[in-house]
Protein backbone atom coordinates (compact mmCIF):
# COMPACT_ATOMS: atom_id res chain seq x y z
CA UNK A 1 4.77 -1.83 19.40
CA UNK A 2 5.13 -5.51 19.13
CA UNK A 3 3.84 -8.07 16.68
CA UNK A 4 5.01 -10.40 13.97
CA UNK A 5 6.68 -8.70 11.03
CA UNK A 6 5.38 -9.27 7.56
CA UNK A 7 8.61 -11.21 6.18
CA UNK A 8 8.62 -13.55 9.33
CA UNK A 9 4.69 -13.96 9.05
CA UNK A 10 4.90 -14.96 5.34
CA UNK A 11 7.95 -17.52 5.99
CA UNK A 12 5.82 -18.90 8.89
CA UNK A 13 2.71 -19.30 7.10
CA UNK A 14 4.37 -20.72 4.07
CA UNK A 15 5.57 -23.80 6.37
CA UNK A 16 1.94 -25.23 6.12
CA UNK A 17 1.14 -24.70 2.59
CA UNK A 18 2.69 -27.79 0.79
CA UNK A 19 -0.43 -29.31 0.50
CA UNK A 20 -1.89 -29.66 -3.32
CA UNK A 21 -4.26 -26.80 -4.17
CA UNK A 22 -7.79 -28.22 -4.31
CA UNK A 23 -8.82 -28.75 -7.92
CA UNK A 24 -6.55 -25.78 -9.17
CA UNK A 25 -5.75 -27.62 -12.32
CA UNK A 26 -9.48 -27.86 -13.23
CA UNK A 27 -10.16 -24.04 -12.99
CA UNK A 28 -9.90 -22.21 -16.25
CA UNK A 29 -8.83 -18.54 -16.42
CA UNK A 30 -11.55 -15.91 -16.79
CA UNK A 31 -9.45 -13.70 -19.26
CA UNK A 32 -8.98 -14.32 -22.96
CA UNK A 33 -5.72 -15.01 -24.55
CA UNK A 34 -5.29 -11.35 -25.51
CA UNK A 35 -6.13 -10.22 -22.24
CA UNK A 36 -3.60 -12.33 -20.54
CA UNK A 37 -0.88 -11.06 -22.52
CA UNK A 38 -1.88 -7.65 -22.01
CA UNK A 39 -2.61 -7.59 -18.14
CA UNK A 40 -0.27 -10.48 -17.06
CA UNK A 41 -2.36 -12.22 -14.30
CA UNK A 42 -0.12 -14.09 -11.99
CA UNK A 43 -0.39 -17.78 -12.39
CA UNK A 44 -2.27 -19.78 -9.70
CA UNK A 45 0.58 -20.61 -7.04
CA UNK A 46 0.94 -23.05 -4.06
CA UNK A 47 0.32 -21.26 -1.83
CA UNK A 48 -2.12 -18.64 -3.00
CA UNK A 49 -0.73 -15.54 -1.51
CA UNK A 50 -3.44 -13.08 -0.43
CA UNK A 51 -1.78 -11.51 2.36
CA UNK A 52 0.47 -8.67 1.17
CA UNK A 53 -2.03 -6.42 -0.95
CA UNK A 54 -0.33 -6.91 -4.17
CA UNK A 55 -1.95 -6.41 -7.50
CA UNK A 56 -2.55 -9.91 -9.08
CA UNK A 57 -1.99 -8.39 -12.41
CA UNK A 58 1.03 -6.64 -14.25
CA UNK A 59 3.60 -5.72 -15.23
CA UNK A 60 1.35 -4.78 -18.29
CA UNK A 61 2.34 -5.82 -21.80
CA UNK A 62 3.59 -2.25 -22.58
CA UNK A 63 5.50 -1.98 -19.30
CA UNK A 64 7.27 -5.40 -20.06
CA UNK A 65 8.27 -4.39 -23.59
CA UNK A 66 9.60 -0.84 -22.19
CA UNK A 67 11.79 -2.56 -19.70
CA UNK A 68 13.12 -5.25 -22.25
CA UNK A 69 13.83 -2.69 -24.87
CA UNK A 70 16.09 -0.87 -22.21
CA UNK A 71 18.16 -3.82 -21.14
CA UNK A 72 21.25 -2.42 -23.01
CA UNK A 73 21.22 0.52 -20.41
CA UNK A 74 21.76 -1.64 -17.49
CA UNK A 75 25.33 -0.96 -17.55
CA UNK A 76 24.51 2.80 -16.82
CA UNK A 77 23.73 4.38 -13.44
CA UNK A 78 20.15 5.66 -13.37
CA UNK A 79 20.77 9.28 -12.26
CA UNK A 80 21.11 10.81 -15.61
CA UNK A 81 17.75 8.93 -16.77
CA UNK A 82 15.58 10.14 -14.06
CA UNK A 83 14.52 13.40 -15.58
CA UNK A 84 11.91 11.96 -18.11
CA UNK A 85 10.04 10.35 -15.27
CA UNK A 86 10.16 13.14 -13.00
CA UNK A 87 8.76 15.35 -15.38
CA UNK A 88 6.07 13.05 -16.31
CA UNK A 89 5.08 12.87 -12.41
CA UNK A 90 5.36 16.48 -11.95
CA UNK A 91 2.88 17.08 -14.69
CA UNK A 92 0.62 14.12 -13.39
CA UNK A 93 0.53 15.62 -9.79
CA UNK A 94 0.44 19.39 -11.02
CA UNK A 95 3.73 20.31 -9.12
CA UNK A 96 6.94 21.70 -10.24
CA UNK A 97 9.72 18.93 -10.89
CA UNK A 98 11.75 20.11 -7.73
CA UNK A 99 8.58 18.78 -5.56
CA UNK A 100 9.37 15.12 -6.73
CA UNK A 101 11.59 12.70 -5.03
CA UNK A 102 12.07 9.38 -6.66
CA UNK A 103 12.50 6.39 -4.24
CA UNK A 104 12.90 2.59 -4.71
CA UNK A 105 9.27 1.93 -3.54
CA UNK A 106 7.57 4.28 -1.12
CA UNK A 107 8.75 1.97 1.75
CA UNK A 108 12.21 3.70 1.05
CA UNK A 109 10.31 7.08 1.20
CA UNK A 110 8.68 6.18 4.68
CA UNK A 111 12.04 5.26 6.05
CA UNK A 112 14.20 8.33 5.01
CA UNK A 113 11.42 10.63 6.02
CA UNK A 114 11.38 9.06 9.42
CA UNK A 115 15.17 9.33 9.97
CA UNK A 116 15.43 12.64 8.44
CA UNK A 117 12.87 14.58 10.15
CA UNK A 118 11.83 12.31 13.23
CA UNK A 119 15.17 12.09 14.90
CA UNK A 120 15.65 13.77 18.46
CA UNK A 121 11.95 13.95 18.76
CA UNK A 122 8.70 11.82 18.29
CA UNK A 123 6.42 10.64 15.62
CA UNK A 124 2.72 10.42 16.32
CA UNK A 125 0.48 7.97 14.55
CA UNK A 126 -2.36 5.77 15.12
CA UNK A 127 -2.21 1.96 15.68
CA UNK A 128 -2.92 -0.33 13.80
CA UNK A 129 -1.58 1.32 10.64
CA UNK A 130 1.30 0.64 8.18
CA UNK A 131 4.38 0.59 10.51
CA UNK A 132 7.46 0.95 8.26
CA UNK A 133 8.15 4.71 9.09
CA UNK A 134 7.82 4.12 13.00
CA UNK A 135 9.58 0.96 13.48
CA UNK A 136 12.64 2.03 11.25
CA UNK A 137 12.69 5.51 13.03
CA UNK A 138 12.72 3.78 16.52
CA UNK A 139 15.94 2.09 15.50
CA UNK A 140 17.36 5.42 15.20
CA UNK A 141 16.28 6.66 18.46
CA UNK A 142 13.00 8.47 17.65
CA UNK A 143 10.02 8.04 20.17
CA UNK A 144 6.87 6.89 18.75
CA UNK A 145 3.51 8.23 20.34
CA UNK A 146 1.04 5.72 19.63
CA UNK A 147 -2.77 6.75 19.45
CA UNK A 148 -5.29 3.94 19.41
CA UNK A 149 -7.88 3.94 16.52
CA UNK A 150 -11.37 5.03 17.58
CA UNK A 151 -14.08 2.61 18.40
CA UNK A 152 -15.17 2.97 14.82
CA UNK A 153 -11.49 2.11 13.67
CA UNK A 154 -10.75 5.28 12.36
CA UNK A 155 -7.63 7.38 12.64
CA UNK A 156 -8.18 9.56 15.98
CA UNK A 157 -7.56 12.79 14.52
CA UNK A 158 -8.72 14.90 17.53
CA UNK A 159 -6.62 12.93 19.94
CA UNK A 160 -3.71 13.06 17.82
CA UNK A 161 -3.88 17.01 17.54
CA UNK A 162 -4.16 17.15 21.11
CA UNK A 163 -0.76 15.23 21.67
CA UNK A 164 1.14 17.46 19.31
CA UNK A 165 3.83 19.22 21.27
CA UNK A 166 7.26 20.80 20.91
CA UNK A 167 8.57 17.38 21.00
CA UNK A 168 6.48 16.43 17.87
CA UNK A 169 8.61 16.28 14.71
CA UNK A 170 6.35 14.24 12.37
CA UNK A 171 2.65 13.22 12.24
CA UNK A 172 2.01 9.86 10.11
CA UNK A 173 -1.37 9.41 8.33
CA UNK A 174 -2.24 6.37 6.31
CA UNK A 175 -5.29 7.11 4.12
CA UNK A 176 -6.90 4.92 3.25
CA UNK A 177 -5.56 3.03 6.21
CA UNK A 178 -3.79 -0.13 6.00
CA UNK A 179 -5.05 -2.51 7.64
CA UNK A 180 -8.71 -1.12 7.67
CA UNK A 181 -9.02 0.09 4.23
CA UNK A 182 -11.13 3.07 5.77
CA UNK A 183 -11.00 6.72 4.42
CA UNK A 184 -10.96 9.82 6.67
CA UNK A 185 -13.75 12.45 6.19
CA UNK A 186 -12.39 14.80 3.31
CA UNK A 187 -13.06 18.05 5.17
CA UNK A 188 -11.89 17.02 8.41
CA UNK A 189 -8.69 15.36 7.35
CA UNK A 190 -7.80 18.51 5.16
CA UNK A 191 -8.50 20.80 8.26
CA UNK A 192 -6.20 18.48 10.49
CA UNK A 193 -3.41 18.57 8.02
CA UNK A 194 -3.61 22.26 7.52
CA UNK A 195 -3.55 22.96 11.22
CA UNK A 196 -1.28 20.32 12.51
CA UNK A 197 1.44 21.14 9.54
CA UNK A 198 1.93 24.52 11.34
CA UNK A 199 3.60 22.70 14.29
CA UNK A 200 5.10 19.57 12.85
CA UNK A 201 5.47 17.91 9.44
CA UNK A 202 2.59 15.79 8.50
CA UNK A 203 3.13 12.82 5.97
CA UNK A 204 0.20 11.51 4.01
CA UNK A 205 0.73 8.02 2.90
CA UNK A 206 -1.74 7.64 -0.17
CA UNK A 207 -0.48 4.23 -1.17
CA UNK A 208 -4.11 3.18 -2.07
CA UNK A 209 -5.39 6.61 -3.31
CA UNK A 210 -6.45 5.29 -6.72
CA UNK A 211 -8.76 2.88 -5.27
CA UNK A 212 -10.73 5.60 -3.49
CA UNK A 213 -14.46 5.47 -4.75
CA UNK A 214 -15.54 8.59 -3.06
CA UNK A 215 -16.15 11.26 -5.58
CA UNK A 216 -13.76 14.28 -5.72
CA UNK A 217 -11.92 12.97 -2.57
CA UNK A 218 -8.78 15.35 -1.70
CA UNK A 219 -5.34 14.26 -1.95
CA UNK A 220 -3.34 16.28 0.72
CA UNK A 221 -1.12 17.17 -2.29
CA UNK A 222 -3.21 20.38 -2.46
CA UNK A 223 -1.87 21.52 0.71
CA UNK A 224 1.87 20.44 -0.55
CA UNK A 225 1.04 23.10 -3.55
CA UNK A 226 -0.06 25.63 -0.98
CA UNK A 227 3.54 25.40 0.57
CA UNK A 228 2.39 23.59 3.90
CA UNK A 229 4.72 21.43 5.82
CA UNK A 230 3.09 18.21 4.29
CA UNK A 231 4.66 15.27 2.38
CA UNK A 232 2.51 12.90 0.08
CA UNK A 233 3.78 9.36 -0.60
CA UNK A 234 2.62 7.58 -3.61
CA UNK A 235 3.61 4.30 -5.26
CA UNK A 236 3.69 2.22 -8.36
CA UNK A 237 3.34 -1.03 -6.27
CA UNK A 238 -0.31 -1.11 -6.07
CA UNK A 239 -2.77 -0.19 -9.04
CA UNK A 240 0.33 -0.31 -11.64
CA UNK A 241 1.19 -3.80 -10.61
CA UNK A 242 5.08 -2.86 -9.96
CA UNK A 243 5.42 -4.13 -6.36
CA UNK A 244 8.52 -6.34 -7.31
CA UNK A 245 10.13 -3.39 -9.50
CA UNK A 246 10.40 -1.17 -6.45
CA UNK A 247 9.37 2.36 -7.56
CA UNK A 248 7.37 5.13 -5.74
CA UNK A 249 7.90 8.95 -5.09
CA UNK A 250 7.43 11.78 -2.50
CA UNK A 251 5.88 15.06 -3.13
CA UNK A 252 7.04 17.96 -0.91
CA UNK A 253 7.80 21.45 -1.25
CA UNK A 254 11.60 22.15 -2.24
CA UNK A 255 12.90 22.90 1.27
CA UNK A 256 11.62 19.55 2.31
CA UNK A 257 12.19 17.60 -0.81
CA UNK A 258 15.86 18.47 -1.03
CA UNK A 259 16.75 17.13 2.51
CA UNK A 260 14.64 13.93 1.55
CA UNK A 261 16.55 13.72 -1.79
CA UNK A 262 19.89 13.81 0.17
CA UNK A 263 18.95 10.96 2.25
CA UNK A 264 17.77 8.63 -0.59
CA UNK A 265 19.84 5.43 -0.15
CA UNK A 266 18.79 2.79 -2.49
CA UNK A 267 17.76 4.98 -5.41
CA UNK A 268 15.88 3.51 -8.27
CA UNK A 269 17.17 1.67 -11.61
CA UNK A 270 16.98 1.92 -15.27
CA UNK A 271 14.25 -0.95 -15.59
CA UNK A 272 12.20 0.68 -12.75
CA UNK A 273 12.43 4.24 -14.57
CA UNK A 274 11.38 2.83 -17.88
CA UNK A 275 8.46 0.62 -16.24
CA UNK A 276 7.12 3.77 -14.53
CA UNK A 277 7.17 5.95 -17.70
CA UNK A 278 5.29 3.33 -19.49
CA UNK A 279 3.01 2.61 -16.74
CA UNK A 280 1.76 6.03 -16.75
CA UNK A 281 0.96 6.01 -20.14
CA UNK A 282 -0.97 2.68 -19.92
CA UNK A 283 -4.43 3.98 -18.79
CA UNK A 284 -5.93 0.88 -20.08
CA UNK A 285 -4.22 -1.29 -17.64
CA UNK A 286 -4.73 1.33 -14.82
CA UNK A 287 -8.45 1.16 -15.43
CA UNK A 288 -8.59 -2.62 -15.53
CA UNK A 289 -6.72 -2.86 -12.24
CA UNK A 290 -9.25 -0.74 -10.52
CA UNK A 291 -12.20 -2.61 -12.11
CA UNK A 292 -11.01 -5.84 -11.16
CA UNK A 293 -10.20 -4.81 -7.57
CA UNK A 294 -13.75 -3.70 -7.53
CA UNK A 295 -15.05 -7.01 -8.85
CA UNK A 296 -13.30 -9.07 -6.53
CA UNK A 297 -13.89 -7.16 -3.42
CA UNK A 298 -17.53 -7.81 -4.22
CA UNK A 299 -17.05 -11.34 -4.68
CA UNK A 300 -15.58 -11.45 -1.04
CA UNK A 301 -18.23 -9.40 0.44
CA UNK A 302 -20.83 -11.43 -0.98
CA UNK A 303 -19.35 -14.58 0.80
CA UNK A 304 -18.84 -12.39 4.14
CA UNK A 305 -22.49 -11.32 3.97
CA UNK A 306 -23.62 -14.91 3.38
CA UNK A 307 -21.57 -15.99 6.59
CA UNK A 308 -22.61 -13.11 8.47
CA UNK A 309 -19.02 -11.87 9.07
CA UNK A 310 -18.76 -8.16 9.62
CA UNK A 311 -16.46 -6.16 7.43
CA UNK A 312 -15.38 -2.49 6.93
CA UNK A 313 -15.98 -0.52 3.84
CA UNK A 314 -12.82 -0.62 1.86
CA UNK A 315 -11.40 2.12 -0.48
CA UNK A 316 -8.24 -0.11 -1.19
CA UNK A 317 -7.50 -3.45 -2.94
CA UNK A 318 -8.09 -5.49 0.42
CA UNK A 319 -10.66 -6.04 2.85
CA UNK A 320 -10.80 -5.95 6.76
CA UNK A 321 -13.25 -8.30 8.20
CA UNK A 322 -14.07 -9.37 11.70
CA UNK A 323 -13.48 -13.32 12.22
CA UNK A 324 -14.29 -13.52 15.94
CA UNK A 325 -11.08 -16.02 16.16
CA UNK A 326 -7.48 -15.66 17.06
CA UNK A 327 -5.89 -14.49 13.96
CA UNK A 328 -2.87 -16.46 14.42
CA UNK A 329 -4.77 -19.79 14.53
CA UNK A 330 -6.87 -18.60 11.68
CA UNK A 331 -3.73 -17.89 9.38
CA UNK A 332 -2.51 -21.48 10.19
CA UNK A 333 -5.81 -23.05 9.25
CA UNK A 334 -5.72 -21.18 5.82
CA UNK A 335 -2.05 -21.86 5.28
CA UNK A 336 -2.69 -25.67 5.81
CA UNK A 337 -5.32 -25.10 2.94
CA UNK A 338 -2.91 -23.70 0.77
CA UNK A 339 -3.87 -19.93 1.17
CA UNK A 340 -1.88 -17.17 2.86
CA UNK A 341 -4.01 -14.48 4.56
CA UNK A 342 -3.15 -11.33 6.19
CA UNK A 343 -0.93 -11.20 9.38
CA UNK A 344 -1.84 -10.22 12.88
CA UNK A 345 -2.44 -6.51 13.43
CA UNK A 346 -2.66 -6.01 17.00
CA UNK A 347 -4.72 -5.26 19.14
CA UNK A 348 -7.33 -6.31 16.53
CA UNK A 349 -6.26 -10.06 16.93
CA UNK A 350 -9.89 -11.24 15.88
CA UNK A 351 -9.87 -9.33 12.33
CA UNK A 352 -8.51 -10.67 9.23
CA UNK A 353 -7.09 -8.53 6.17
CA UNK A 354 -7.54 -10.21 2.84
CA UNK A 355 -6.25 -9.02 -0.24
CA UNK A 356 -8.05 -9.02 -3.65
CA UNK A 357 -6.58 -11.55 -6.09
CA UNK A 358 -7.47 -12.83 -9.56
CA UNK A 359 -10.89 -14.03 -10.05
CA UNK A 360 -9.47 -17.66 -9.67
CA UNK A 361 -7.90 -16.93 -6.46
CA UNK A 362 -10.82 -15.20 -4.83
CA UNK A 363 -13.01 -18.00 -5.78
CA UNK A 364 -10.72 -20.45 -3.86
CA UNK A 365 -10.55 -18.01 -0.88
CA UNK A 366 -14.41 -17.95 -0.83
CA UNK A 367 -14.61 -21.88 -1.11
CA UNK A 368 -12.11 -22.05 1.97
CA UNK A 369 -13.83 -19.43 3.72
CA UNK A 370 -17.17 -21.26 3.54
CA UNK A 371 -15.26 -24.49 4.62
CA UNK A 372 -13.76 -22.69 7.68
CA UNK A 373 -16.63 -20.52 8.71
CA UNK A 374 -19.69 -22.55 7.35
């Protein structure tokens, strides 16, 4: 699998972003002073970064207070402080505490799962999707069996199921998928995971689960509760606004969880633990984040409709739209105007992924989009 990495793409795109932002100083923030203190919107920056699916809000006021009040514990190793957060997560997810594996961001969970269970065999997944597990596992000698998305840009579950063999150690699903934002049919994905987990471990990356709008959509957590060979990954990076704090967790039955726990490398830290505990209690911020992501997606889709640019229905905090232009050139054009958009996702090289930002950031993105495509 080839392409430009996230880190190198951001570095490259930043090179052309030294131009002053167009009228940024004239924009007023849409939030009150109390809301700014409470929800902590990021400041307008140069460049405006809408290419990494970050939450433009957070850490919330309550989370910041929790971290600050525990600075004195920074001299301590975090291991003896994990238990309260693990207990909260087990209650939230409805599983025993021995099913929870804390990791320093779900990226670490993806990597340790790949090297723990993929070594000596293959991982099957669709492309394009979130690549971390597969690209890291390849470094350790794991074969990757790539399946193209369907013509509708869905995970091709039928083809994946056909390819599962004695060599298959892991099957990776990203649902909703990144970069498409699409959601798999509820009954089909459950049936798929239940069937395939009898032959290989199924990993369900649910980083964007909180943004799903479909009523009663199931997490594959239910299969974990039934003792299936399924791992579910969740993160504090998105709806909780803690991407820079690095906190995530895996959920699996104890036989699997224990193996994963033994492979954790980075571990988490005192500040992340306290941030996670406070974030789980801050339902107001959670609801605010979900609501603002919905509002700004609507702002973007209205502009895309106006410009007659097709896009996929998104159950995430980003949108994937068809530009009809080479994404590398389009990225450079936007970067020169002070906005970073999503990196290439081959083979969909004439599609663009755009993250939701603050209302001000999205307003500027929409203006630039009209400039470029108008």
